[in-house]
PDB file of N, CA and C in Angstrom:
ATOM      1  N   MET A   1       0.785  -1.114   0.002  1.00  0.00           N
ATOM      2  CA  MET A   1       0.039  -0.026  -0.009  1.00  0.00           C
ATOM      3  C   MET A   1       0.899   1.267  -0.056  1.00  0.00           C
ATOM      4  N   ARG A   2       0.489   2.245  -0.634  1.00  0.00           N
ATOM      5  CA  ARG A   2       1.143   3.512  -0.561  1.00  0.00           C
ATOM      6  C   ARG A   2       0.241   4.524  -0.081  1.00  0.00           C
ATOM      7  N   ALA A   3       0.734   5.339   0.970  1.00  0.00           N
ATOM      8  CA  ALA A   3      -0.126   6.372   1.538  1.00  0.00           C
ATOM      9  C   ALA A   3      -0.017   7.567   0.613  1.00  0.00           C
ATOM     10  N   PRO A   4      -1.156   8.271   0.625  1.00  0.00           N
ATOM     11  CA  PRO A   4      -1.215   9.549  -0.235  1.00  0.00           C
ATOM     12  C   PRO A   4      -0.012  10.413   0.039  1.00  0.00           C
ATOM     13  N   ALA A   5       0.273  11.208  -0.948  1.00  0.00           N
ATOM     14  CA  ALA A   5       1.484  12.103  -0.831  1.00  0.00           C
ATOM     15  C   ALA A   5       1.350  12.987   0.277  1.00  0.00           C
ATOM     16  N   ASP A   6       0.065  13.611   0.583  1.00  0.00           N
ATOM     17  CA  ASP A   6      -0.105  14.460   1.636  1.00  0.00           C
ATOM     18  C   ASP A   6      -0.092  13.854   3.045  1.00  0.00           C
ATOM     19  N   GLN A   7       0.096  12.502   3.128  1.00  0.00           N
ATOM     20  CA  GLN A   7       0.250  11.697   4.310  1.00  0.00           C
ATOM     21  C   GLN A   7       1.641  11.173   4.391  1.00  0.00           C
ATOM     22  N   GLY A   8       2.533  11.574   3.575  1.00  0.00           N
ATOM     23  CA  GLY A   8       3.982  11.068   3.615  1.00  0.00           C
ATOM     24  C   GLY A   8       4.367  10.241   2.457  1.00  0.00           C
ATOM     25  N   GLY A   9       3.331   9.529   1.760  1.00  0.00           N
ATOM     26  CA  GLY A   9       3.703   8.716   0.564  1.00  0.00           C
ATOM     27  C   GLY A   9       4.454   7.523   0.830  1.00  0.00           C
ATOM     28  N   GLN A  10       4.611   7.053   2.109  1.00  0.00           N
ATOM     29  CA  GLN A  10       5.436   5.898   2.312  1.00  0.00           C
ATOM     30  C   GLN A  10       4.646   4.565   1.816  1.00  0.00           C
ATOM     31  N   ASP A  11       5.499   3.566   1.724  1.00  0.00           N
ATOM     32  CA  ASP A  11       4.930   2.292   1.310  1.00  0.00           C
ATOM     33  C   ASP A  11       4.856   1.424   2.460  1.00  0.00           C
ATOM     34  N   SER A  12       3.684   0.592   2.599  1.00  0.00           N
ATOM     35  CA  SER A  12       3.546  -0.433   3.690  1.00  0.00           C
ATOM     36  C   SER A  12       3.232  -1.703   3.038  1.00  0.00           C
ATOM     37  N   TYR A  13       3.688  -2.792   3.682  1.00  0.00           N
ATOM     38  CA  TYR A  13       3.568  -4.160   3.115  1.00  0.00           C
ATOM     39  C   TYR A  13       2.874  -5.051   4.026  1.00  0.00           C
ATOM     40  N   SER A  14       2.170  -5.939   3.486  1.00  0.00           N
ATOM     41  CA  SER A  14       1.477  -6.951   4.298  1.00  0.00           C
ATOM     42  C   SER A  14       1.741  -8.325   3.649  1.00  0.00           C
ATOM     43  N   ALA A  15       1.601  -9.351   4.469  1.00  0.00           N
ATOM     44  CA  ALA A  15       1.834 -10.768   3.987  1.00  0.00           C
ATOM     45  C   ALA A  15       0.881 -11.561   4.864  1.00  0.00           C
ATOM     46  N   GLY A  16       0.676 -12.904   4.321  1.00  0.00           N
ATOM     47  CA  GLY A  16      -0.225 -13.759   5.074  1.00  0.00           C
ATOM     48  C   GLY A  16      -0.231 -15.110   4.387  1.00  0.00           C
ATOM     49  N   VAL A  17      -1.140 -16.041   4.835  1.00  0.00           N
ATOM     50  CA  VAL A  17      -1.159 -17.301   4.493  1.00  0.00           C
ATOM     51  C   VAL A  17      -2.638 -17.759   4.122  1.00  0.00           C
ATOM     52  N   TYR A  18      -2.909 -18.207   2.912  1.00  0.00           N
ATOM     53  CA  TYR A  18      -4.233 -18.680   2.662  1.00  0.00           C
ATOM     54  C   TYR A  18      -4.473 -20.006   3.464  1.00  0.00           C
ATOM     55  N   THR A  19      -5.580 -20.007   4.182  1.00  0.00           N
ATOM     56  CA  THR A  19      -5.866 -21.229   5.105  1.00  0.00           C
ATOM     57  C   THR A  19      -7.108 -22.094   4.424  1.00  0.00           C
ATOM     58  N   LYS A  20      -7.835 -21.447   3.523  1.00  0.00           N
ATOM     59  CA  LYS A  20      -8.920 -22.145   2.808  1.00  0.00           C
ATOM     60  C   LYS A  20      -9.232 -21.453   1.651  1.00  0.00           C
ATOM     61  N   ILE A  21      -9.296 -22.283   0.577  1.00  0.00           N
ATOM     62  CA  ILE A  21      -9.770 -21.884  -0.821  1.00  0.00           C
ATOM     63  C   ILE A  21     -10.823 -22.757  -1.348  1.00  0.00           C
ATOM     64  N   VAL A  22     -12.030 -22.159  -1.544  1.00  0.00           N
ATOM     65  CA  VAL A  22     -13.065 -22.898  -2.173  1.00  0.00           C
ATOM     66  C   VAL A  22     -13.401 -22.135  -3.404  1.00  0.00           C
ATOM     67  N   PRO A  23     -13.021 -22.718  -4.635  1.00  0.00           N
ATOM     68  CA  PRO A  23     -13.218 -21.891  -5.838  1.00  0.00           C
ATOM     69  C   PRO A  23     -14.584 -21.397  -5.966  1.00  0.00           C
ATOM     70  N   LYS A  24     -14.623 -20.038  -6.390  1.00  0.00           N
ATOM     71  CA  LYS A  24     -15.923 -19.401  -6.719  1.00  0.00           C
ATOM     72  C   LYS A  24     -16.841 -19.254  -5.453  1.00  0.00           C
ATOM     73  N   GLU A  25     -16.288 -19.478  -4.267  1.00  0.00           N
ATOM     74  CA  GLU A  25     -17.079 -19.506  -3.103  1.00  0.00           C
ATOM     75  C   GLU A  25     -16.529 -18.720  -1.929  1.00  0.00           C
ATOM     76  N   ARG A  26     -15.256 -19.091  -1.538  1.00  0.00           N
ATOM     77  CA  ARG A  26     -14.699 -18.520  -0.335  1.00  0.00           C
ATOM     78  C   ARG A  26     -13.110 -18.558  -0.445  1.00  0.00           C
ATOM     79  N   LEU A  27     -12.579 -17.437   0.165  1.00  0.00           N
ATOM     80  CA  LEU A  27     -11.171 -17.470   0.484  1.00  0.00           C
ATOM     81  C   LEU A  27     -11.063 -17.112   2.072  1.00  0.00           C
ATOM     82  N   GLU A  28     -10.117 -17.809   2.691  1.00  0.00           N
ATOM     83  CA  GLU A  28      -9.840 -17.462   4.039  1.00  0.00           C
ATOM     84  C   GLU A  28      -8.281 -17.517   4.112  1.00  0.00           C
ATOM     85  N   PHE A  29      -7.872 -16.386   4.864  1.00  0.00           N
ATOM     86  CA  PHE A  29      -6.422 -16.164   4.971  1.00  0.00           C
ATOM     87  C   PHE A  29      -6.094 -15.263   6.120  1.00  0.00           C
ATOM     88  N   THR A  30      -4.844 -15.321   6.454  1.00  0.00           N
ATOM     89  CA  THR A  30      -4.285 -14.434   7.626  1.00  0.00           C
ATOM     90  C   THR A  30      -3.587 -13.381   6.880  1.00  0.00           C
ATOM     91  N   GLN A  31      -3.407 -12.091   7.558  1.00  0.00           N
ATOM     92  CA  GLN A  31      -2.618 -11.055   6.987  1.00  0.00           C
ATOM     93  C   GLN A  31      -2.074 -10.301   8.167  1.00  0.00           C
ATOM     94  N   GLY A  32      -0.958  -9.716   7.849  1.00  0.00           N
ATOM     95  CA  GLY A  32      -0.274  -8.937   8.984  1.00  0.00           C
ATOM     96  C   GLY A  32       0.840  -8.048   8.273  1.00  0.00           C
ATOM     97  N   LEU A  33       1.271  -7.022   8.971  1.00  0.00           N
ATOM     98  CA  LEU A  33       2.263  -6.122   8.529  1.00  0.00           C
ATOM     99  C   LEU A  33       3.610  -7.045   8.235  1.00  0.00           C
ATOM    100  N   SER A  34       4.304  -6.571   7.277  1.00  0.00           N
ATOM    101  CA  SER A  34       5.507  -7.203   7.016  1.00  0.00           C
ATOM    102  C   SER A  34       6.486  -6.191   6.423  1.00  0.00           C
ATOM    103  N   ASP A  35       7.762  -6.643   6.182  1.00  0.00           N
ATOM    104  CA  ASP A  35       8.742  -5.870   5.458  1.00  0.00           C
ATOM    105  C   ASP A  35       8.513  -6.095   3.998  1.00  0.00           C
ATOM    106  N   LYS A  36       9.338  -5.445   3.113  1.00  0.00           N
ATOM    107  CA  LYS A  36       9.136  -5.518   1.643  1.00  0.00           C
ATOM    108  C   LYS A  36       9.365  -6.891   1.073  1.00  0.00           C
ATOM    109  N   ASP A  37      10.009  -7.781   1.953  1.00  0.00           N
ATOM    110  CA  ASP A  37      10.344  -9.086   1.557  1.00  0.00           C
ATOM    111  C   ASP A  37       9.303 -10.176   2.062  1.00  0.00           C
ATOM    112  N   GLY A  38       8.245  -9.633   2.791  1.00  0.00           N
ATOM    113  CA  GLY A  38       7.184 -10.474   3.376  1.00  0.00           C
ATOM    114  C   GLY A  38       7.558 -11.102   4.560  1.00  0.00           C
ATOM    115  N   HIS A  39       8.452 -10.674   5.272  1.00  0.00           N
ATOM    116  CA  HIS A  39       8.687 -11.219   6.702  1.00  0.00           C
ATOM    117  C   HIS A  39       7.874 -10.366   7.625  1.00  0.00           C
ATOM    118  N   PRO A  40       7.146 -11.075   8.543  1.00  0.00           N
ATOM    119  CA  PRO A  40       6.320 -10.369   9.472  1.00  0.00           C
ATOM    120  C   PRO A  40       7.073  -9.373  10.407  1.00  0.00           C
ATOM    121  N   ILE A  41       6.422  -8.311  10.701  1.00  0.00           N
ATOM    122  CA  ILE A  41       6.983  -7.313  11.698  1.00  0.00           C
ATOM    123  C   ILE A  41       5.961  -6.988  12.670  1.00  0.00           C
ATOM    124  N   ASP A  42       6.336  -6.643  13.856  1.00  0.00           N
ATOM    125  CA  ASP A  42       5.486  -6.313  14.920  1.00  0.00           C
ATOM    126  C   ASP A  42       4.931  -4.789  14.515  1.00  0.00           C
ATOM    127  N   PRO A  43       3.705  -4.588  14.654  1.00  0.00           N
ATOM    128  CA  PRO A  43       3.158  -3.259  14.328  1.00  0.00           C
ATOM    129  C   PRO A  43       3.765  -2.145  15.109  1.00  0.00           C
ATOM    130  N   GLY A  44       4.105  -2.411  16.348  1.00  0.00           N
ATOM    131  CA  GLY A  44       4.688  -1.390  17.222  1.00  0.00           C
ATOM    132  C   GLY A  44       6.018  -0.916  16.739  1.00  0.00           C
ATOM    133  N   GLN A  45       6.765  -1.769  15.948  1.00  0.00           N
ATOM    134  CA  GLN A  45       8.076  -1.416  15.432  1.00  0.00           C
ATOM    135  C   GLN A  45       7.988  -0.253  14.396  1.00  0.00           C
ATOM    136  N   ILE A  46       6.868  -0.113  13.784  1.00  0.00           N
ATOM    137  CA  ILE A  46       6.710   1.025  12.825  1.00  0.00           C
ATOM    138  C   ILE A  46       5.769   2.045  13.296  1.00  0.00           C
ATOM    139  N   GLY A  47       5.539   2.097  14.632  1.00  0.00           N
ATOM    140  CA  GLY A  47       4.800   3.208  15.121  1.00  0.00           C
ATOM    141  C   GLY A  47       3.203   2.967  15.264  1.00  0.00           C
ATOM    142  N   MET A  48       2.772   1.665  14.957  1.00  0.00           N
ATOM    143  CA  MET A  48       1.457   1.490  15.113  1.00  0.00           C
ATOM    144  C   MET A  48       0.971   1.567  16.574  1.00  0.00           C
ATOM    145  N   PRO A  49      -0.318   1.925  16.828  1.00  0.00           N
ATOM    146  CA  PRO A  49      -0.767   1.943  18.228  1.00  0.00           C
ATOM    147  C   PRO A  49      -0.832   0.518  18.748  1.00  0.00           C
ATOM    148  N   PRO A  50      -0.968   0.418  20.100  1.00  0.00           N
ATOM    149  CA  PRO A  50      -1.057  -0.870  20.779  1.00  0.00           C
ATOM    150  C   PRO A  50      -2.266  -1.717  20.265  1.00  0.00           C
ATOM    151  N   ASP A  51      -3.341  -1.218  19.873  1.00  0.00           N
ATOM    152  CA  ASP A  51      -4.549  -1.909  19.425  1.00  0.00           C
ATOM    153  C   ASP A  51      -4.416  -2.368  17.964  1.00  0.00           C
ATOM    154  N   PHE A  52      -3.246  -2.347  17.374  1.00  0.00           N
ATOM    155  CA  PHE A  52      -3.151  -2.861  15.967  1.00  0.00           C
ATOM    156  C   PHE A  52      -2.766  -4.359  16.099  1.00  0.00           C
ATOM    157  N   PRO A  53      -3.538  -5.342  15.636  1.00  0.00           N
ATOM    158  CA  PRO A  53      -3.252  -6.639  15.740  1.00  0.00           C
ATOM    159  C   PRO A  53      -2.047  -7.097  14.954  1.00  0.00           C
ATOM    160  N   LYS A  54      -1.280  -8.044  15.479  1.00  0.00           N
ATOM    161  CA  LYS A  54      -0.091  -8.607  14.686  1.00  0.00           C
ATOM    162  C   LYS A  54      -0.594  -9.383  13.536  1.00  0.00           C
ATOM    163  N   GLU A  55      -1.779 -10.055  13.736  1.00  0.00           N
ATOM    164  CA  GLU A  55      -2.341 -10.897  12.610  1.00  0.00           C
ATOM    165  C   GLU A  55      -3.792 -10.784  12.555  1.00  0.00           C
ATOM    166  N   ILE A  56      -4.382 -10.654  11.394  1.00  0.00           N
ATOM    167  CA  ILE A  56      -5.873 -10.622  11.202  1.00  0.00           C
ATOM    168  C   ILE A  56      -6.322 -11.599  10.258  1.00  0.00           C
ATOM    169  N   ARG A  57      -7.329 -12.487  10.802  1.00  0.00           N
ATOM    170  CA  ARG A  57      -7.977 -13.488  10.014  1.00  0.00           C
ATOM    171  C   ARG A  57      -8.944 -12.768   9.184  1.00  0.00           C
ATOM    172  N   THR A  58      -9.029 -13.052   7.874  1.00  0.00           N
ATOM    173  CA  THR A  58      -9.997 -12.631   6.965  1.00  0.00           C
ATOM    174  C   THR A  58     -10.619 -13.658   6.083  1.00  0.00           C
ATOM    175  N   SER A  59     -11.914 -13.353   5.839  1.00  0.00           N
ATOM    176  CA  SER A  59     -12.678 -14.199   4.868  1.00  0.00           C
ATOM    177  C   SER A  59     -13.275 -13.391   3.822  1.00  0.00           C
ATOM    178  N   VAL A  60     -13.334 -13.860   2.680  1.00  0.00           N
ATOM    179  CA  VAL A  60     -13.919 -13.304   1.456  1.00  0.00           C
ATOM    180  C   VAL A  60     -14.845 -14.308   0.894  1.00  0.00           C
ATOM    181  N   VAL A  61     -16.167 -13.899   0.813  1.00  0.00           N
ATOM    182  CA  VAL A  61     -17.295 -14.837   0.343  1.00  0.00           C
ATOM    183  C   VAL A  61     -17.797 -14.425  -0.827  1.00  0.00           C
ATOM    184  N   PHE A  62     -17.922 -15.138  -1.744  1.00  0.00           N
ATOM    185  CA  PHE A  62     -18.550 -14.802  -3.164  1.00  0.00           C
ATOM    186  C   PHE A  62     -19.846 -15.541  -3.252  1.00  0.00           C
ATOM    187  N   LYS A  63     -21.030 -14.788  -3.562  1.00  0.00           N
ATOM    188  CA  LYS A  63     -22.257 -15.345  -3.700  1.00  0.00           C
ATOM    189  C   LYS A  63     -22.893 -14.895  -4.982  1.00  0.00           C
ATOM    190  N   ALA A  64     -23.333 -15.800  -5.925  1.00  0.00           N
ATOM    191  CA  ALA A  64     -23.925 -15.404  -7.139  1.00  0.00           C
ATOM    192  C   ALA A  64     -25.253 -14.748  -6.897  1.00  0.00           C
ATOM    193  N   LYS A  65     -25.406 -13.619  -7.590  1.00  0.00           N
ATOM    194  CA  LYS A  65     -26.818 -12.886  -7.485  1.00  0.00           C
ATOM    195  C   LYS A  65     -27.138 -12.443  -8.928  1.00  0.00           C
ATOM    196  N   GLY A  66     -27.641 -13.473  -9.592  1.00  0.00           N
ATOM    197  CA  GLY A  66     -28.036 -13.321 -11.072  1.00  0.00           C
ATOM    198  C   GLY A  66     -26.838 -13.175 -11.781  1.00  0.00           C
ATOM    199  N   ASN A  67     -26.655 -12.153 -12.573  1.00  0.00           N
ATOM    200  CA  ASN A  67     -25.465 -11.916 -13.441  1.00  0.00           C
ATOM    201  C   ASN A  67     -24.391 -11.092 -12.638  1.00  0.00           C
ATOM    202  N   MET A  68     -24.561 -11.067 -11.426  1.00  0.00           N
ATOM    203  CA  MET A  68     -23.517 -10.226 -10.508  1.00  0.00           C
ATOM    204  C   MET A  68     -23.061 -11.183  -9.389  1.00  0.00           C
ATOM    205  N   THR A  69     -22.060 -10.708  -8.732  1.00  0.00           N
ATOM    206  CA  THR A  69     -21.484 -11.462  -7.488  1.00  0.00           C
ATOM    207  C   THR A  69     -21.501 -10.557  -6.366  1.00  0.00           C
ATOM    208  N   GLU A  70     -22.150 -10.888  -5.283  1.00  0.00           N
ATOM    209  CA  GLU A  70     -22.074 -10.309  -4.003  1.00  0.00           C
ATOM    210  C   GLU A  70     -20.716 -10.792  -3.361  1.00  0.00           C
ATOM    211  N   LEU A  71     -20.067  -9.724  -2.775  1.00  0.00           N
ATOM    212  CA  LEU A  71     -18.729 -10.005  -2.032  1.00  0.00           C
ATOM    213  C   LEU A  71     -18.869  -9.562  -0.624  1.00  0.00           C
ATOM    214  N   THR A  72     -18.548 -10.467   0.233  1.00  0.00           N
ATOM    215  CA  THR A  72     -18.614 -10.114   1.751  1.00  0.00           C
ATOM    216  C   THR A  72     -17.180 -10.314   2.235  1.00  0.00           C
ATOM    217  N   VAL A  73     -16.621  -9.305   2.726  1.00  0.00           N
ATOM    218  CA  VAL A  73     -15.264  -9.369   3.384  1.00  0.00           C
ATOM    219  C   VAL A  73     -15.414  -9.154   4.754  1.00  0.00           C
ATOM    220  N   THR A  74     -14.797 -10.117   5.588  1.00  0.00           N
ATOM    221  CA  THR A  74     -14.868 -10.091   7.080  1.00  0.00           C
ATOM    222  C   THR A  74     -13.452 -10.130   7.587  1.00  0.00           C
ATOM    223  N   GLU A  75     -13.031  -9.171   8.392  1.00  0.00           N
ATOM    224  CA  GLU A  75     -11.713  -9.155   9.055  1.00  0.00           C
ATOM    225  C   GLU A  75     -12.044  -9.386  10.611  1.00  0.00           C
ATOM    226  N   TYR A  76     -11.406 -10.428  11.144  1.00  0.00           N
ATOM    227  CA  TYR A  76     -11.610 -10.611  12.472  1.00  0.00           C
ATOM    228  C   TYR A  76     -10.342 -10.106  13.299  1.00  0.00           C
ATOM    229  N   ALA A  77     -10.550  -9.978  14.652  1.00  0.00           N
ATOM    230  CA  ALA A  77      -9.585  -9.618  15.588  1.00  0.00           C
ATOM    231  C   ALA A  77      -9.316  -8.123  15.727  1.00  0.00           C
ATOM    232  N   TRP A  78      -9.994  -7.190  15.065  1.00  0.00           N
ATOM    233  CA  TRP A  78      -9.930  -5.794  15.277  1.00  0.00           C
ATOM    234  C   TRP A  78     -10.576  -5.435  16.442  1.00  0.00           C
ATOM    235  N   PRO A  79      -9.844  -5.035  17.453  1.00  0.00           N
ATOM    236  CA  PRO A  79     -10.454  -4.544  18.649  1.00  0.00           C
ATOM    237  C   PRO A  79     -11.062  -3.186  18.386  1.00  0.00           C
ATOM    238  N   LEU A  80     -12.206  -2.876  19.088  1.00  0.00           N
ATOM    239  CA  LEU A  80     -12.947  -1.594  18.817  1.00  0.00           C
ATOM    240  C   LEU A  80     -11.950  -0.458  19.262  1.00  0.00           C
ATOM    241  N   GLY A  81     -11.804   0.551  18.292  1.00  0.00           N
ATOM    242  CA  GLY A  81     -10.976   1.659  18.732  1.00  0.00           C
ATOM    243  C   GLY A  81     -10.527   2.366  17.312  1.00  0.00           C
ATOM    244  N   GLN A  82      -9.667   3.197  17.439  1.00  0.00           N
ATOM    245  CA  GLN A  82      -9.290   4.083  16.181  1.00  0.00           C
ATOM    246  C   GLN A  82      -8.775   3.157  15.048  1.00  0.00           C
ATOM    247  N   MET A  83      -8.070   2.198  15.301  1.00  0.00           N
ATOM    248  CA  MET A  83      -7.557   1.375  14.235  1.00  0.00           C
ATOM    249  C   MET A  83      -8.588   0.540  13.570  1.00  0.00           C
ATOM    250  N   PHE A  84      -9.674   0.178  14.353  1.00  0.00           N
ATOM    251  CA  PHE A  84     -10.829  -0.505  13.760  1.00  0.00           C
ATOM    252  C   PHE A  84     -11.426   0.477  12.733  1.00  0.00           C
ATOM    253  N   ILE A  85     -11.672   1.647  13.063  1.00  0.00           N
ATOM    254  CA  ILE A  85     -12.269   2.690  12.187  1.00  0.00           C
ATOM    255  C   ILE A  85     -11.414   2.919  10.963  1.00  0.00           C
ATOM    256  N   TYR A  86     -10.071   3.013  11.087  1.00  0.00           N
ATOM    257  CA  TYR A  86      -9.272   3.128  10.066  1.00  0.00           C
ATOM    258  C   TYR A  86      -9.299   1.868   9.026  1.00  0.00           C
ATOM    259  N   SER A  87      -9.407   0.633   9.609  1.00  0.00           N
ATOM    260  CA  SER A  87      -9.439  -0.460   8.884  1.00  0.00           C
ATOM    261  C   SER A  87     -10.741  -0.545   8.006  1.00  0.00           C
ATOM    262  N   GLN A  88     -11.954  -0.097   8.590  1.00  0.00           N
ATOM    263  CA  GLN A  88     -13.111  -0.076   7.853  1.00  0.00           C
ATOM    264  C   GLN A  88     -13.013   1.010   6.735  1.00  0.00           C
ATOM    265  N   LEU A  89     -12.437   2.128   6.976  1.00  0.00           N
ATOM    266  CA  LEU A  89     -12.191   3.182   5.999  1.00  0.00           C
ATOM    267  C   LEU A  89     -11.335   2.557   4.794  1.00  0.00           C
ATOM    268  N   GLY A  90     -10.356   1.928   5.218  1.00  0.00           N
ATOM    269  CA  GLY A  90      -9.463   1.322   4.171  1.00  0.00           C
ATOM    270  C   GLY A  90     -10.080   0.243   3.254  1.00  0.00           C
ATOM    271  N   MET A  91     -10.954  -0.578   4.045  1.00  0.00           N
ATOM    272  CA  MET A  91     -11.637  -1.630   3.153  1.00  0.00           C
ATOM    273  C   MET A  91     -12.694  -1.029   2.370  1.00  0.00           C
ATOM    274  N   HIS A  92     -13.299   0.027   2.713  1.00  0.00           N
ATOM    275  CA  HIS A  92     -14.308   0.710   1.914  1.00  0.00           C
ATOM    276  C   HIS A  92     -13.651   1.311   0.674  1.00  0.00           C
ATOM    277  N   GLN A  93     -12.459   1.964   0.889  1.00  0.00           N
ATOM    278  CA  GLN A  93     -11.613   2.459  -0.213  1.00  0.00           C
ATOM    279  C   GLN A  93     -11.258   1.449  -1.224  1.00  0.00           C
ATOM    280  N   SER A  94     -10.849   0.258  -0.727  1.00  0.00           N
ATOM    281  CA  SER A  94     -10.464  -0.875  -1.513  1.00  0.00           C
ATOM    282  C   SER A  94     -11.582  -1.430  -2.407  1.00  0.00           C
ATOM    283  N   ILE A  95     -12.654  -1.621  -1.722  1.00  0.00           N
ATOM    284  CA  ILE A  95     -13.865  -2.028  -2.467  1.00  0.00           C
ATOM    285  C   ILE A  95     -14.330  -0.994  -3.513  1.00  0.00           C
ATOM    286  N   ASP A  96     -14.283   0.267  -3.277  1.00  0.00           N
ATOM    287  CA  ASP A  96     -14.638   1.184  -4.193  1.00  0.00           C
ATOM    288  C   ASP A  96     -13.702   1.194  -5.419  1.00  0.00           C
ATOM    289  N   LYS A  97     -12.426   1.024  -5.135  1.00  0.00           N
ATOM    290  CA  LYS A  97     -11.399   0.851  -6.237  1.00  0.00           C
ATOM    291  C   LYS A  97     -11.640  -0.431  -6.976  1.00  0.00           C
ATOM    292  N   LEU A  98     -11.944  -1.425  -6.387  1.00  0.00           N
ATOM    293  CA  LEU A  98     -12.371  -2.748  -7.090  1.00  0.00           C
ATOM    294  C   LEU A  98     -13.525  -2.497  -7.994  1.00  0.00           C
ATOM    295  N   ALA A  99     -14.580  -1.999  -7.433  1.00  0.00           N
ATOM    296  CA  ALA A  99     -15.789  -1.557  -8.272  1.00  0.00           C
ATOM    297  C   ALA A  99     -15.463  -0.697  -9.504  1.00  0.00           C
ATOM    298  N   GLU A 100     -14.682   0.318  -9.355  1.00  0.00           N
ATOM    299  CA  GLU A 100     -14.346   1.078 -10.392  1.00  0.00           C
ATOM    300  C   GLU A 100     -13.495   0.368 -11.428  1.00  0.00           C
ATOM    301  N   SER A 101     -12.522  -0.441 -10.960  1.00  0.00           N
ATOM    302  CA  SER A 101     -11.686  -1.189 -12.050  1.00  0.00           C
ATOM    303  C   SER A 101     -12.620  -2.166 -12.691  1.00  0.00           C
ATOM    304  N   LEU A 102     -13.585  -2.897 -12.030  1.00  0.00           N
ATOM    305  CA  LEU A 102     -14.444  -3.819 -12.741  1.00  0.00           C
ATOM    306  C   LEU A 102     -15.389  -3.094 -13.706  1.00  0.00           C
ATOM    307  N   ALA A 103     -15.793  -1.854 -13.394  1.00  0.00           N
ATOM    308  CA  ALA A 103     -16.605  -1.054 -14.250  1.00  0.00           C
ATOM    309  C   ALA A 103     -15.934  -0.695 -15.502  1.00  0.00           C
ATOM    310  N   ASN A 104     -14.601  -0.422 -15.408  1.00  0.00           N
ATOM    311  CA  ASN A 104     -13.864   0.002 -16.614  1.00  0.00           C
ATOM    312  C   ASN A 104     -13.221  -1.173 -17.340  1.00  0.00           C
ATOM    313  N   ALA A 105     -13.516  -2.555 -16.851  1.00  0.00           N
ATOM    314  CA  ALA A 105     -12.988  -3.621 -17.626  1.00  0.00           C
ATOM    315  C   ALA A 105     -13.544  -3.945 -18.884  1.00  0.00           C
TER     316      ALA A 105
END
């Protein structure tokens, strides 16, 4: 990920492991902050607040809806707090970018 220029423009990395793949139905995986080579790093090492999880379990569920697909993304382990709010905002931005990309395909 790259932060906007007005927020410093720095690159951030994440890595994880797929724990379940059901084609056309479901993805489950872990994700966490990493260095550029994919090695996990402690969020506190890069200045993240104490409520930033070291690892986040995530599921993505695909459900056919006529000629469209409903996408449900769930991230687990975010404690309620400021980082939870930022996570939600970031996910909404990602989904908006995905929708725009698909609309232009």
